[in-house]
Amino acid sequence: MTRQVKPPAHVSQHAYEAAQVLLQALRARGKQAENIDEAIQKGYLTDLDWCRALQEYRELYGVVSITYADPVAAQESRSRAKRKGAA
């Protein structure tokens, strides 16, 4: 059973968990970063890696997502949400 840790007051639970999963994966590969910004700055992650992880956790938590500028990404997100709802 995983222990649920409360994020800092200014961070949502889904964003906190997405960041922790990414940072743990980096540590497992021998990369060290204190936060997502540092991991991106060091080249361990891309902005796209972070955005994808964040979107995945938004969907897991049922967080209403921001409007996409990319209509293809918006459609993919809606399709995933429908599939999850049908499951």
C-alpha atoms as a PDB file:
ATOM      1  CA  MET A   1       0.000   0.000   0.000  1.00  0.00           C
ATOM      2  CA  THR A   2       1.376   3.406  -0.956  1.00  0.00           C
ATOM      3  CA  ARG A   3       1.438   6.182   1.553  1.00  0.00           C
ATOM      4  CA  GLN A   4      -0.389   9.330   0.462  1.00  0.00           C
ATOM      5  CA  VAL A   5       1.747  12.352   1.211  1.00  0.00           C
ATOM      6  CA  LYS A   6       0.125  15.746   1.323  1.00  0.00           C
ATOM      7  CA  PRO A   7       1.718  18.205  -1.113  1.00  0.00           C
ATOM      8  CA  PRO A   8       2.748  21.743  -0.182  1.00  0.00           C
ATOM      9  CA  ALA A   9      -0.221  24.127   0.026  1.00  0.00           C
ATOM     10  CA  HIS A  10       0.481  25.728  -3.364  1.00  0.00           C
ATOM     11  CA  VAL A  11       0.625  22.409  -5.264  1.00  0.00           C
ATOM     12  CA  SER A  12      -2.299  20.220  -6.304  1.00  0.00           C
ATOM     13  CA  GLN A  13      -2.253  16.546  -5.358  1.00  0.00           C
ATOM     14  CA  HIS A  14      -2.187  15.353  -8.973  1.00  0.00           C
ATOM     15  CA  ALA A  15       0.743  17.630  -9.890  1.00  0.00           C
ATOM     16  CA  TYR A  16       2.647  16.629  -6.771  1.00  0.00           C
ATOM     17  CA  GLU A  17       2.247  12.925  -7.464  1.00  0.00           C
ATOM     18  CA  ALA A  18       3.184  13.304 -11.142  1.00  0.00           C
ATOM     19  CA  ALA A  19       6.357  15.141 -10.122  1.00  0.00           C
ATOM     20  CA  GLN A  20       7.249  12.549  -7.492  1.00  0.00           C
ATOM     21  CA  VAL A  21       6.859   9.679  -9.962  1.00  0.00           C
ATOM     22  CA  LEU A  22       9.075  11.412 -12.528  1.00  0.00           C
ATOM     23  CA  LEU A  23      11.720  12.343  -9.957  1.00  0.00           C
ATOM     24  CA  GLN A  24      11.771   8.783  -8.566  1.00  0.00           C
ATOM     25  CA  ALA A  25      12.246   7.415 -12.086  1.00  0.00           C
ATOM     26  CA  LEU A  26      15.164   9.795 -12.601  1.00  0.00           C
ATOM     27  CA  ARG A  27      16.762   8.718  -9.319  1.00  0.00           C
ATOM     28  CA  ALA A  28      16.400   5.078 -10.370  1.00  0.00           C
ATOM     29  CA  ARG A  29      18.443   5.951 -13.469  1.00  0.00           C
ATOM     30  CA  GLY A  30      21.107   7.679 -11.383  1.00  0.00           C
ATOM     31  CA  LYS A  31      19.973  11.237 -12.179  1.00  0.00           C
ATOM     32  CA  GLN A  32      19.537  13.708  -9.347  1.00  0.00           C
ATOM     33  CA  ALA A  33      17.179  16.696  -9.398  1.00  0.00           C
ATOM     34  CA  GLU A  34      15.359  18.412  -6.553  1.00  0.00           C
ATOM     35  CA  ASN A  35      12.341  19.368  -8.653  1.00  0.00           C
ATOM     36  CA  ILE A  36      10.893  19.231 -12.156  1.00  0.00           C
ATOM     37  CA  ASP A  37      12.317  22.607 -13.179  1.00  0.00           C
ATOM     38  CA  GLU A  38      15.819  21.449 -12.277  1.00  0.00           C
ATOM     39  CA  ALA A  39      15.313  18.140 -14.110  1.00  0.00           C
ATOM     40  CA  ILE A  40      14.261  20.015 -17.251  1.00  0.00           C
ATOM     41  CA  GLN A  41      17.126  22.498 -16.902  1.00  0.00           C
ATOM     42  CA  LYS A  42      19.640  19.642 -16.611  1.00  0.00           C
ATOM     43  CA  GLY A  43      18.156  17.961 -19.680  1.00  0.00           C
ATOM     44  CA  TYR A  44      16.860  14.903 -17.814  1.00  0.00           C
ATOM     45  CA  LEU A  45      13.267  15.665 -18.847  1.00  0.00           C
ATOM     46  CA  THR A  46      11.636  17.756 -21.547  1.00  0.00           C
ATOM     47  CA  ASP A  47       8.710  20.100 -21.109  1.00  0.00           C
ATOM     48  CA  LEU A  48       6.710  17.585 -23.111  1.00  0.00           C
ATOM     49  CA  ASP A  49       7.604  14.775 -20.669  1.00  0.00           C
ATOM     50  CA  TRP A  50       6.305  16.900 -17.806  1.00  0.00           C
ATOM     51  CA  CYS A  51       3.155  17.957 -19.654  1.00  0.00           C
ATOM     52  CA  ARG A  52       2.305  14.368 -20.550  1.00  0.00           C
ATOM     53  CA  ALA A  53       2.809  13.140 -16.988  1.00  0.00           C
ATOM     54  CA  LEU A  54       0.784  16.027 -15.615  1.00  0.00           C
ATOM     55  CA  GLN A  55      -2.055  15.353 -18.050  1.00  0.00           C
ATOM     56  CA  GLU A  56      -2.064  11.663 -17.144  1.00  0.00           C
ATOM     57  CA  TYR A  57      -2.428  12.510 -13.459  1.00  0.00           C
ATOM     58  CA  ARG A  58      -5.112  15.122 -14.195  1.00  0.00           C
ATOM     59  CA  GLU A  59      -7.102  12.387 -15.897  1.00  0.00           C
ATOM     60  CA  LEU A  60      -6.504   9.923 -13.056  1.00  0.00           C
ATOM     61  CA  TYR A  61      -7.826  12.478 -10.569  1.00  0.00           C
ATOM     62  CA  GLY A  62     -10.678  13.615 -12.821  1.00  0.00           C
ATOM     63  CA  VAL A  63      -9.372  17.173 -12.906  1.00  0.00           C
ATOM     64  CA  VAL A  64     -10.989  19.300 -15.584  1.00  0.00           C
ATOM     65  CA  SER A  65      -8.161  20.097 -17.930  1.00  0.00           C
ATOM     66  CA  ILE A  66      -7.209  23.435 -19.361  1.00  0.00           C
ATOM     67  CA  THR A  67      -8.299  24.152 -22.933  1.00  0.00           C
ATOM     68  CA  TYR A  68      -5.868  22.743 -25.421  1.00  0.00           C
ATOM     69  CA  ALA A  69      -4.373  24.908 -28.135  1.00  0.00           C
ATOM     70  CA  ASP A  70      -3.723  21.677 -30.054  1.00  0.00           C
ATOM     71  CA  PRO A  71      -7.028  20.225 -31.326  1.00  0.00           C
ATOM     72  CA  VAL A  72      -5.481  16.778 -31.894  1.00  0.00           C
ATOM     73  CA  ALA A  73      -4.314  16.604 -28.272  1.00  0.00           C
ATOM     74  CA  ALA A  74      -7.736  17.783 -27.125  1.00  0.00           C
ATOM     75  CA  GLN A  75      -9.456  15.029 -29.105  1.00  0.00           C
ATOM     76  CA  GLU A  76      -7.043  12.387 -27.779  1.00  0.00           C
ATOM     77  CA  SER A  77      -7.736  13.519 -24.230  1.00  0.00           C
ATOM     78  CA  ARG A  78     -11.502  13.363 -24.747  1.00  0.00           C
ATOM     79  CA  SER A  79     -11.185   9.893 -26.288  1.00  0.00           C
ATOM     80  CA  ARG A  80      -9.127   8.628 -23.320  1.00  0.00           C
ATOM     81  CA  ALA A  81     -11.654  10.079 -20.889  1.00  0.00           C
ATOM     82  CA  LYS A  82     -14.532   8.374 -22.724  1.00  0.00           C
ATOM     83  CA  ARG A  83     -12.708   5.036 -22.735  1.00  0.00           C
ATOM     84  CA  LYS A  84     -12.066   5.318 -18.998  1.00  0.00           C
ATOM     85  CA  GLY A  85     -15.717   6.156 -18.408  1.00  0.00           C
ATOM     86  CA  ALA A  86     -16.832   3.098 -20.365  1.00  0.00           C
ATOM     87  CA  ALA A  87     -14.490   0.758 -18.493  1.00  0.00           C
END
